């Protein structure tokens, strides 16, 4: 994308740009998911990887999903519930 095109997009759609901007932490998380390829990652896997609570991992993944950077698929859990597996959307 050329600079002028990007600049025009920023001027014409500032709210869209604001919604899509990622923090440094979100970029690192995106790269983790991207590194998993087609396998994807669940919040439980992310929490073990980063030594953070599962709820925190779930929230972080959902935030990127809500911004359309990730897709997710429901998978049946061994415990009888469902688990979301996230993959990159771009």
PDB file of N, CA and C in Angstrom:
ATOM      1  N   UNK A   1       0.859  -1.177   0.000  1.00  0.00           N
ATOM      2  CA  UNK A   1       0.000   0.000   0.000  1.00  0.00           C
ATOM      3  C   UNK A   1       0.900   1.233   0.000  1.00  0.00           C
ATOM      4  N   UNK A   2       0.591   2.158  -0.849  1.00  0.00           N
ATOM      5  CA  UNK A   2       1.392   3.379  -0.927  1.00  0.00           C
ATOM      6  C   UNK A   2       1.059   4.307   0.235  1.00  0.00           C
ATOM      7  N   UNK A   3       2.025   5.164   0.580  1.00  0.00           N
ATOM      8  CA  UNK A   3       1.848   6.090   1.701  1.00  0.00           C
ATOM      9  C   UNK A   3       0.610   6.952   1.538  1.00  0.00           C
ATOM     10  N   UNK A   4       0.403   7.500   0.352  1.00  0.00           N
ATOM     11  CA  UNK A   4      -0.735   8.391   0.134  1.00  0.00           C
ATOM     12  C   UNK A   4      -2.060   7.651   0.313  1.00  0.00           C
ATOM     13  N   UNK A   5      -2.106   6.408  -0.116  1.00  0.00           N
ATOM     14  CA  UNK A   5      -3.320   5.606   0.041  1.00  0.00           C
ATOM     15  C   UNK A   5      -3.599   5.369   1.518  1.00  0.00           C
ATOM     16  N   UNK A   6      -2.562   5.016   2.250  1.00  0.00           N
ATOM     17  CA  UNK A   6      -2.705   4.788   3.687  1.00  0.00           C
ATOM     18  C   UNK A   6      -3.109   6.074   4.404  1.00  0.00           C
ATOM     19  N   UNK A   7      -2.500   7.161   4.049  1.00  0.00           N
ATOM     20  CA  UNK A   7      -2.825   8.450   4.671  1.00  0.00           C
ATOM     21  C   UNK A   7      -4.281   8.822   4.399  1.00  0.00           C
ATOM     22  N   UNK A   8      -4.754   8.592   3.181  1.00  0.00           N
ATOM     23  CA  UNK A   8      -6.141   8.901   2.818  1.00  0.00           C
ATOM     24  C   UNK A   8      -7.084   8.041   3.640  1.00  0.00           C
ATOM     25  N   UNK A   9      -6.747   6.771   3.791  1.00  0.00           N
ATOM     26  CA  UNK A   9      -7.554   5.855   4.600  1.00  0.00           C
ATOM     27  C   UNK A   9      -7.635   6.341   6.045  1.00  0.00           C
ATOM     28  N   UNK A  10      -6.523   6.806   6.582  1.00  0.00           N
ATOM     29  CA  UNK A  10      -6.500   7.299   7.959  1.00  0.00           C
ATOM     30  C   UNK A  10      -7.359   8.542   8.129  1.00  0.00           C
ATOM     31  N   UNK A  11      -7.359   9.398   7.135  1.00  0.00           N
ATOM     32  CA  UNK A  11      -8.165  10.622   7.205  1.00  0.00           C
ATOM     33  C   UNK A  11      -9.652  10.320   7.019  1.00  0.00           C
ATOM     34  N   UNK A  12      -9.943   9.434   6.074  1.00  0.00           N
ATOM     35  CA  UNK A  12     -11.342   9.130   5.753  1.00  0.00           C
ATOM     36  C   UNK A  12     -12.025   8.236   6.779  1.00  0.00           C
ATOM     37  N   UNK A  13     -11.255   7.393   7.458  1.00  0.00           N
ATOM     38  CA  UNK A  13     -11.864   6.430   8.393  1.00  0.00           C
ATOM     39  C   UNK A  13     -11.101   6.370   9.722  1.00  0.00           C
ATOM     40  N   UNK A  14     -11.034   7.477  10.454  1.00  0.00           N
ATOM     41  CA  UNK A  14     -10.238   7.482  11.683  1.00  0.00           C
ATOM     42  C   UNK A  14     -10.740   6.498  12.749  1.00  0.00           C
ATOM     43  N   UNK A  15     -12.036   6.318  12.860  1.00  0.00           N
ATOM     44  CA  UNK A  15     -12.553   5.379  13.863  1.00  0.00           C
ATOM     45  C   UNK A  15     -12.159   3.947  13.536  1.00  0.00           C
ATOM     46  N   UNK A  16     -12.230   3.598  12.263  1.00  0.00           N
ATOM     47  CA  UNK A  16     -11.817   2.264  11.828  1.00  0.00           C
ATOM     48  C   UNK A  16     -10.349   2.031  12.164  1.00  0.00           C
ATOM     49  N   UNK A  17      -9.519   3.010  11.868  1.00  0.00           N
ATOM     50  CA  UNK A  17      -8.081   2.897  12.140  1.00  0.00           C
ATOM     51  C   UNK A  17      -7.840   2.729  13.635  1.00  0.00           C
ATOM     52  N   UNK A  18      -8.512   3.526  14.460  1.00  0.00           N
ATOM     53  CA  UNK A  18      -8.366   3.436  15.916  1.00  0.00           C
ATOM     54  C   UNK A  18      -8.742   2.047  16.424  1.00  0.00           C
ATOM     55  N   UNK A  19      -9.836   1.498  15.874  1.00  0.00           N
ATOM     56  CA  UNK A  19     -10.306   0.180  16.309  1.00  0.00           C
ATOM     57  C   UNK A  19      -9.334  -0.930  15.934  1.00  0.00           C
ATOM     58  N   UNK A  20      -8.623  -0.764  14.840  1.00  0.00           N
ATOM     59  CA  UNK A  20      -7.735  -1.820  14.330  1.00  0.00           C
ATOM     60  C   UNK A  20      -6.308  -1.734  14.856  1.00  0.00           C
ATOM     61  N   UNK A  21      -5.934  -0.610  15.453  1.00  0.00           N
ATOM     62  CA  UNK A  21      -4.571  -0.472  15.974  1.00  0.00           C
ATOM     63  C   UNK A  21      -4.318  -1.485  17.081  1.00  0.00           C
ATOM     64  N   UNK A  22      -3.121  -2.038  17.091  1.00  0.00           N
ATOM     65  CA  UNK A  22      -2.749  -3.014  18.105  1.00  0.00           C
ATOM     66  C   UNK A  22      -1.672  -2.453  19.023  1.00  0.00           C
ATOM     67  N   UNK A  23      -1.747  -2.840  20.284  1.00  0.00           N
ATOM     68  CA  UNK A  23      -0.694  -2.492  21.236  1.00  0.00           C
ATOM     69  C   UNK A  23       0.505  -3.421  20.997  1.00  0.00           C
ATOM     70  N   UNK A  24       1.632  -3.100  21.588  1.00  0.00           N
ATOM     71  CA  UNK A  24       2.809  -3.970  21.477  1.00  0.00           C
ATOM     72  C   UNK A  24       2.495  -5.367  22.000  1.00  0.00           C
ATOM     73  N   UNK A  25       1.749  -5.441  23.093  1.00  0.00           N
ATOM     74  CA  UNK A  25       1.370  -6.721  23.689  1.00  0.00           C
ATOM     75  C   UNK A  25       0.487  -7.532  22.729  1.00  0.00           C
ATOM     76  N   UNK A  26      -0.437  -6.856  22.053  1.00  0.00           N
ATOM     77  CA  UNK A  26      -1.309  -7.537  21.095  1.00  0.00           C
ATOM     78  C   UNK A  26      -0.528  -8.033  19.878  1.00  0.00           C
ATOM     79  N   UNK A  27       0.461  -7.259  19.452  1.00  0.00           N
ATOM     80  CA  UNK A  27       1.300  -7.682  18.324  1.00  0.00           C
ATOM     81  C   UNK A  27       2.088  -8.938  18.698  1.00  0.00           C
ATOM     82  N   UNK A  28       2.632  -8.975  19.906  1.00  0.00           N
ATOM     83  CA  UNK A  28       3.363 -10.163  20.363  1.00  0.00           C
ATOM     84  C   UNK A  28       2.440 -11.377  20.405  1.00  0.00           C
ATOM     85  N   UNK A  29       1.232 -11.183  20.901  1.00  0.00           N
ATOM     86  CA  UNK A  29       0.263 -12.275  20.966  1.00  0.00           C
ATOM     87  C   UNK A  29      -0.102 -12.749  19.558  1.00  0.00           C
ATOM     88  N   UNK A  30      -0.327 -11.821  18.649  1.00  0.00           N
ATOM     89  CA  UNK A  30      -0.650 -12.188  17.278  1.00  0.00           C
ATOM     90  C   UNK A  30       0.473 -13.046  16.690  1.00  0.00           C
ATOM     91  N   UNK A  31       1.718 -12.665  16.946  1.00  0.00           N
ATOM     92  CA  UNK A  31       2.857 -13.411  16.417  1.00  0.00           C
ATOM     93  C   UNK A  31       2.950 -14.813  17.023  1.00  0.00           C
ATOM     94  N   UNK A  32       2.550 -14.955  18.282  1.00  0.00           N
ATOM     95  CA  UNK A  32       2.504 -16.279  18.906  1.00  0.00           C
ATOM     96  C   UNK A  32       1.485 -17.153  18.174  1.00  0.00           C
ATOM     97  N   UNK A  33       0.295 -16.605  17.965  1.00  0.00           N
ATOM     98  CA  UNK A  33      -0.758 -17.357  17.263  1.00  0.00           C
ATOM     99  C   UNK A  33      -0.311 -17.662  15.839  1.00  0.00           C
ATOM    100  N   UNK A  34       0.286 -16.693  15.186  1.00  0.00           N
ATOM    101  CA  UNK A  34       0.758 -16.870  13.815  1.00  0.00           C
ATOM    102  C   UNK A  34       1.790 -17.999  13.745  1.00  0.00           C
ATOM    103  N   UNK A  35       2.631 -18.079  14.754  1.00  0.00           N
ATOM    104  CA  UNK A  35       3.656 -19.113  14.809  1.00  0.00           C
ATOM    105  C   UNK A  35       3.083 -20.515  14.964  1.00  0.00           C
ATOM    106  N   UNK A  36       1.868 -20.610  15.446  1.00  0.00           N
ATOM    107  CA  UNK A  36       1.224 -21.918  15.615  1.00  0.00           C
ATOM    108  C   UNK A  36       0.631 -22.439  14.307  1.00  0.00           C
ATOM    109  N   UNK A  37       0.550 -21.576  13.302  1.00  0.00           N
ATOM    110  CA  UNK A  37       0.054 -22.001  11.988  1.00  0.00           C
ATOM    111  C   UNK A  37      -1.369 -22.529  12.027  1.00  0.00           C
ATOM    112  N   UNK A  38      -1.619 -23.584  11.261  1.00  0.00           N
ATOM    113  CA  UNK A  38      -2.983 -24.112  11.167  1.00  0.00           C
ATOM    114  C   UNK A  38      -3.421 -24.842  12.430  1.00  0.00           C
ATOM    115  N   UNK A  39      -2.465 -25.163  13.298  1.00  0.00           N
ATOM    116  CA  UNK A  39      -2.813 -25.830  14.562  1.00  0.00           C
ATOM    117  C   UNK A  39      -3.626 -24.886  15.439  1.00  0.00           C
ATOM    118  N   UNK A  40      -3.244 -23.622  15.460  1.00  0.00           N
ATOM    119  CA  UNK A  40      -3.937 -22.644  16.284  1.00  0.00           C
ATOM    120  C   UNK A  40      -3.544 -22.761  17.744  1.00  0.00           C
ATOM    121  N   UNK A  41      -4.270 -22.032  18.580  1.00  0.00           N
ATOM    122  CA  UNK A  41      -3.960 -22.039  20.015  1.00  0.00           C
ATOM    123  C   UNK A  41      -5.237 -21.803  20.809  1.00  0.00           C
ATOM    124  N   UNK A  42      -5.345 -22.464  21.933  1.00  0.00           N
ATOM    125  CA  UNK A  42      -6.470 -22.259  22.852  1.00  0.00           C
ATOM    126  C   UNK A  42      -6.005 -21.378  24.005  1.00  0.00           C
ATOM    127  N   UNK A  43      -6.946 -20.886  24.770  1.00  0.00           N
ATOM    128  CA  UNK A  43      -6.576 -20.049  25.915  1.00  0.00           C
ATOM    129  C   UNK A  43      -5.788 -20.857  26.947  1.00  0.00           C
ATOM    130  N   UNK A  44      -6.114 -22.136  27.080  1.00  0.00           N
ATOM    131  CA  UNK A  44      -5.382 -22.985  28.027  1.00  0.00           C
ATOM    132  C   UNK A  44      -3.925 -23.132  27.584  1.00  0.00           C
ATOM    133  N   UNK A  45      -3.704 -23.366  26.298  1.00  0.00           N
ATOM    134  CA  UNK A  45      -2.330 -23.494  25.780  1.00  0.00           C
ATOM    135  C   UNK A  45      -1.560 -22.196  25.974  1.00  0.00           C
ATOM    136  N   UNK A  46      -2.216 -21.073  25.659  1.00  0.00           N
ATOM    137  CA  UNK A  46      -1.565 -19.770  25.811  1.00  0.00           C
ATOM    138  C   UNK A  46      -1.226 -19.494  27.268  1.00  0.00           C
ATOM    139  N   UNK A  47      -2.147 -19.842  28.171  1.00  0.00           N
ATOM    140  CA  UNK A  47      -1.897 -19.583  29.598  1.00  0.00           C
ATOM    141  C   UNK A  47      -0.702 -20.398  30.100  1.00  0.00           C
ATOM    142  N   UNK A  48      -0.569 -21.631  29.632  1.00  0.00           N
ATOM    143  CA  UNK A  48       0.587 -22.459  30.022  1.00  0.00           C
ATOM    144  C   UNK A  48       1.878 -21.900  29.427  1.00  0.00           C
ATOM    145  N   UNK A  49       1.803 -21.474  28.179  1.00  0.00           N
ATOM    146  CA  UNK A  49       2.969 -20.937  27.471  1.00  0.00           C
ATOM    147  C   UNK A  49       3.517 -19.675  28.129  1.00  0.00           C
ATOM    148  N   UNK A  50       2.598 -18.802  28.532  1.00  0.00           N
ATOM    149  CA  UNK A  50       3.002 -17.492  29.046  1.00  0.00           C
ATOM    150  C   UNK A  50       2.915 -17.381  30.563  1.00  0.00           C
ATOM    151  N   UNK A  51       2.504 -18.473  31.216  1.00  0.00           N
ATOM    152  CA  UNK A  51       2.367 -18.495  32.665  1.00  0.00           C
ATOM    153  C   UNK A  51       1.451 -17.374  33.168  1.00  0.00           C
ATOM    154  N   UNK A  52       0.263 -17.298  32.553  1.00  0.00           N
ATOM    155  CA  UNK A  52      -0.754 -16.320  32.943  1.00  0.00           C
ATOM    156  C   UNK A  52      -2.059 -17.067  33.200  1.00  0.00           C
ATOM    157  N   UNK A  53      -2.983 -16.469  33.948  1.00  0.00           N
ATOM    158  CA  UNK A  53      -4.264 -17.132  34.176  1.00  0.00           C
ATOM    159  C   UNK A  53      -5.012 -17.402  32.860  1.00  0.00           C
ATOM    160  N   UNK A  54      -5.726 -18.510  32.817  1.00  0.00           N
ATOM    161  CA  UNK A  54      -6.476 -18.882  31.614  1.00  0.00           C
ATOM    162  C   UNK A  54      -7.479 -17.800  31.237  1.00  0.00           C
ATOM    163  N   UNK A  55      -8.092 -17.192  32.216  1.00  0.00           N
ATOM    164  CA  UNK A  55      -9.077 -16.134  31.939  1.00  0.00           C
ATOM    165  C   UNK A  55      -8.421 -14.951  31.228  1.00  0.00           C
ATOM    166  N   UNK A  56      -7.216 -14.603  31.639  1.00  0.00           N
ATOM    167  CA  UNK A  56      -6.470 -13.519  30.999  1.00  0.00           C
ATOM    168  C   UNK A  56      -6.148 -13.890  29.554  1.00  0.00           C
ATOM    169  N   UNK A  57      -5.672 -15.113  29.352  1.00  0.00           N
ATOM    170  CA  UNK A  57      -5.353 -15.584  28.000  1.00  0.00           C
ATOM    171  C   UNK A  57      -6.596 -15.561  27.126  1.00  0.00           C
ATOM    172  N   UNK A  58      -7.714 -15.998  27.680  1.00  0.00           N
ATOM    173  CA  UNK A  58      -8.978 -16.020  26.939  1.00  0.00           C
ATOM    174  C   UNK A  58      -9.402 -14.615  26.517  1.00  0.00           C
ATOM    175  N   UNK A  59      -9.283 -13.681  27.432  1.00  0.00           N
ATOM    176  CA  UNK A  59      -9.651 -12.289  27.143  1.00  0.00           C
ATOM    177  C   UNK A  59      -8.748 -11.700  26.064  1.00  0.00           C
ATOM    178  N   UNK A  60      -7.453 -11.968  26.162  1.00  0.00           N
ATOM    179  CA  UNK A  60      -6.511 -11.432  25.179  1.00  0.00           C
ATOM    180  C   UNK A  60      -6.789 -11.990  23.782  1.00  0.00           C
ATOM    181  N   UNK A  61      -7.054 -13.280  23.693  1.00  0.00           N
ATOM    182  CA  UNK A  61      -7.367 -13.888  22.402  1.00  0.00           C
ATOM    183  C   UNK A  61      -8.683 -13.353  21.843  1.00  0.00           C
ATOM    184  N   UNK A  62      -9.676 -13.218  22.710  1.00  0.00           N
ATOM    185  CA  UNK A  62     -10.974 -12.712  22.253  1.00  0.00           C
ATOM    186  C   UNK A  62     -10.866 -11.269  21.763  1.00  0.00           C
ATOM    187  N   UNK A  63     -10.036 -10.474  22.408  1.00  0.00           N
ATOM    188  CA  UNK A  63      -9.850  -9.086  21.959  1.00  0.00           C
ATOM    189  C   UNK A  63      -9.318  -9.036  20.527  1.00  0.00           C
ATOM    190  N   UNK A  64      -8.351  -9.895  20.209  1.00  0.00           N
ATOM    191  CA  UNK A  64      -7.832  -9.942  18.839  1.00  0.00           C
ATOM    192  C   UNK A  64      -8.863 -10.517  17.874  1.00  0.00           C
ATOM    193  N   UNK A  65      -9.669 -11.438  18.365  1.00  0.00           N
ATOM    194  CA  UNK A  65     -10.763 -11.992  17.556  1.00  0.00           C
ATOM    195  C   UNK A  65     -11.791 -10.896  17.245  1.00  0.00           C
ATOM    196  N   UNK A  66     -12.138 -10.112  18.243  1.00  0.00           N
ATOM    197  CA  UNK A  66     -13.108  -9.026  18.053  1.00  0.00           C
ATOM    198  C   UNK A  66     -12.609  -7.967  17.070  1.00  0.00           C
ATOM    199  N   UNK A  67     -11.290  -7.786  17.008  1.00  0.00           N
ATOM    200  CA  UNK A  67     -10.706  -6.827  16.070  1.00  0.00           C
ATOM    201  C   UNK A  67     -10.509  -7.442  14.685  1.00  0.00           C
ATOM    202  N   UNK A  68     -10.902  -8.721  14.537  1.00  0.00           N
ATOM    203  CA  UNK A  68     -10.843  -9.447  13.252  1.00  0.00           C
ATOM    204  C   UNK A  68      -9.432  -9.861  12.838  1.00  0.00           C
ATOM    205  N   UNK A  69      -8.488  -9.884  13.768  1.00  0.00           N
ATOM    206  CA  UNK A  69      -7.145 -10.370  13.461  1.00  0.00           C
ATOM    207  C   UNK A  69      -7.058 -11.887  13.597  1.00  0.00           C
ATOM    208  N   UNK A  70      -7.982 -12.479  14.367  1.00  0.00           N
ATOM    209  CA  UNK A  70      -8.009 -13.921  14.571  1.00  0.00           C
ATOM    210  C   UNK A  70      -9.371 -14.491  14.195  1.00  0.00           C
ATOM    211  N   UNK A  71      -9.364 -15.766  13.808  1.00  0.00           N
ATOM    212  CA  UNK A  71     -10.605 -16.518  13.657  1.00  0.00           C
ATOM    213  C   UNK A  71     -10.636 -17.512  14.812  1.00  0.00           C
ATOM    214  N   UNK A  72     -11.789 -18.084  15.049  1.00  0.00           N
ATOM    215  CA  UNK A  72     -11.843 -19.108  16.088  1.00  0.00           C
ATOM    216  C   UNK A  72     -12.826 -20.202  15.690  1.00  0.00           C
ATOM    217  N   UNK A  73     -12.556 -21.374  16.222  1.00  0.00           N
ATOM    218  CA  UNK A  73     -13.381 -22.537  15.938  1.00  0.00           C
ATOM    219  C   UNK A  73     -13.710 -23.232  17.248  1.00  0.00           C
ATOM    220  N   UNK A  74     -14.964 -23.635  17.393  1.00  0.00           N
ATOM    221  CA  UNK A  74     -15.371 -24.388  18.581  1.00  0.00           C
ATOM    222  C   UNK A  74     -14.909 -25.830  18.430  1.00  0.00           C
ATOM    223  N   UNK A  75     -14.270 -26.339  19.484  1.00  0.00           N
ATOM    224  CA  UNK A  75     -13.819 -27.731  19.507  1.00  0.00           C
ATOM    225  C   UNK A  75     -14.339 -28.347  20.796  1.00  0.00           C
ATOM    226  N   UNK A  76     -14.817 -29.580  20.722  1.00  0.00           N
ATOM    227  CA  UNK A  76     -15.286 -30.266  21.923  1.00  0.00           C
ATOM    228  C   UNK A  76     -14.121 -30.530  22.864  1.00  0.00           C
ATOM    229  N   UNK A  77     -14.353 -30.236  24.131  1.00  0.00           N
ATOM    230  CA  UNK A  77     -13.336 -30.430  25.157  1.00  0.00           C
ATOM    231  C   UNK A  77     -13.439 -31.839  25.726  1.00  0.00           C
ATOM    232  N   UNK A  78     -12.334 -32.345  26.213  1.00  0.00           N
ATOM    233  CA  UNK A  78     -12.332 -33.658  26.862  1.00  0.00           C
ATOM    234  C   UNK A  78     -13.216 -33.663  28.106  1.00  0.00           C
ATOM    235  N   UNK A  79     -13.391 -32.485  28.710  1.00  0.00           N
ATOM    236  CA  UNK A  79     -14.195 -32.384  29.926  1.00  0.00           C
ATOM    237  C   UNK A  79     -15.685 -32.261  29.635  1.00  0.00           C
ATOM    238  N   UNK A  80     -16.056 -32.239  28.357  1.00  0.00           N
ATOM    239  CA  UNK A  80     -17.462 -32.183  27.997  1.00  0.00           C
ATOM    240  C   UNK A  80     -17.953 -30.828  27.534  1.00  0.00           C
ATOM    241  N   UNK A  81     -17.160 -29.804  27.713  1.00  0.00           N
ATOM    242  CA  UNK A  81     -17.553 -28.466  27.276  1.00  0.00           C
ATOM    243  C   UNK A  81     -17.003 -28.175  25.885  1.00  0.00           C
ATOM    244  N   UNK A  82     -16.850 -26.883  25.607  1.00  0.00           N
ATOM    245  CA  UNK A  82     -16.244 -26.488  24.336  1.00  0.00           C
ATOM    246  C   UNK A  82     -15.013 -25.635  24.604  1.00  0.00           C
ATOM    247  N   UNK A  83     -14.098 -25.646  23.652  1.00  0.00           N
ATOM    248  CA  UNK A  83     -12.877 -24.848  23.707  1.00  0.00           C
ATOM    249  C   UNK A  83     -12.789 -24.115  22.382  1.00  0.00           C
ATOM    250  N   UNK A  84     -12.359 -22.856  22.432  1.00  0.00           N
ATOM    251  CA  UNK A  84     -12.125 -22.113  21.198  1.00  0.00           C
ATOM    252  C   UNK A  84     -10.660 -22.259  20.814  1.00  0.00           C
ATOM    253  N   UNK A  85     -10.429 -22.590  19.554  1.00  0.00           N
ATOM    254  CA  UNK A  85      -9.074 -22.624  19.007  1.00  0.00           C
ATOM    255  C   UNK A  85      -8.963 -21.460  18.048  1.00  0.00           C
ATOM    256  N   UNK A  86      -7.975 -20.600  18.300  1.00  0.00           N
ATOM    257  CA  UNK A  86      -7.777 -19.375  17.530  1.00  0.00           C
ATOM    258  C   UNK A  86      -6.664 -19.546  16.508  1.00  0.00           C
ATOM    259  N   UNK A  87      -6.884 -18.938  15.329  1.00  0.00           N
ATOM    260  CA  UNK A  87      -5.881 -18.918  14.259  1.00  0.00           C
ATOM    261  C   UNK A  87      -5.850 -17.502  13.688  1.00  0.00           C
ATOM    262  N   UNK A  88      -4.784 -17.179  12.977  1.00  0.00           N
ATOM    263  CA  UNK A  88      -4.717 -15.846  12.373  1.00  0.00           C
ATOM    264  C   UNK A  88      -5.711 -15.740  11.221  1.00  0.00           C
ATOM    265  N   UNK A  89      -6.261 -14.546  11.060  1.00  0.00           N
ATOM    266  CA  UNK A  89      -7.229 -14.300   9.996  1.00  0.00           C
ATOM    267  C   UNK A  89      -6.583 -13.626   8.803  1.00  0.00           C
ATOM    268  N   UNK A  90      -5.362 -13.135   8.973  1.00  0.00           N
ATOM    269  CA  UNK A  90      -4.698 -12.432   7.874  1.00  0.00           C
ATOM    270  C   UNK A  90      -3.370 -13.085   7.549  1.00  0.00           C
TER     271      UNK A  90
END
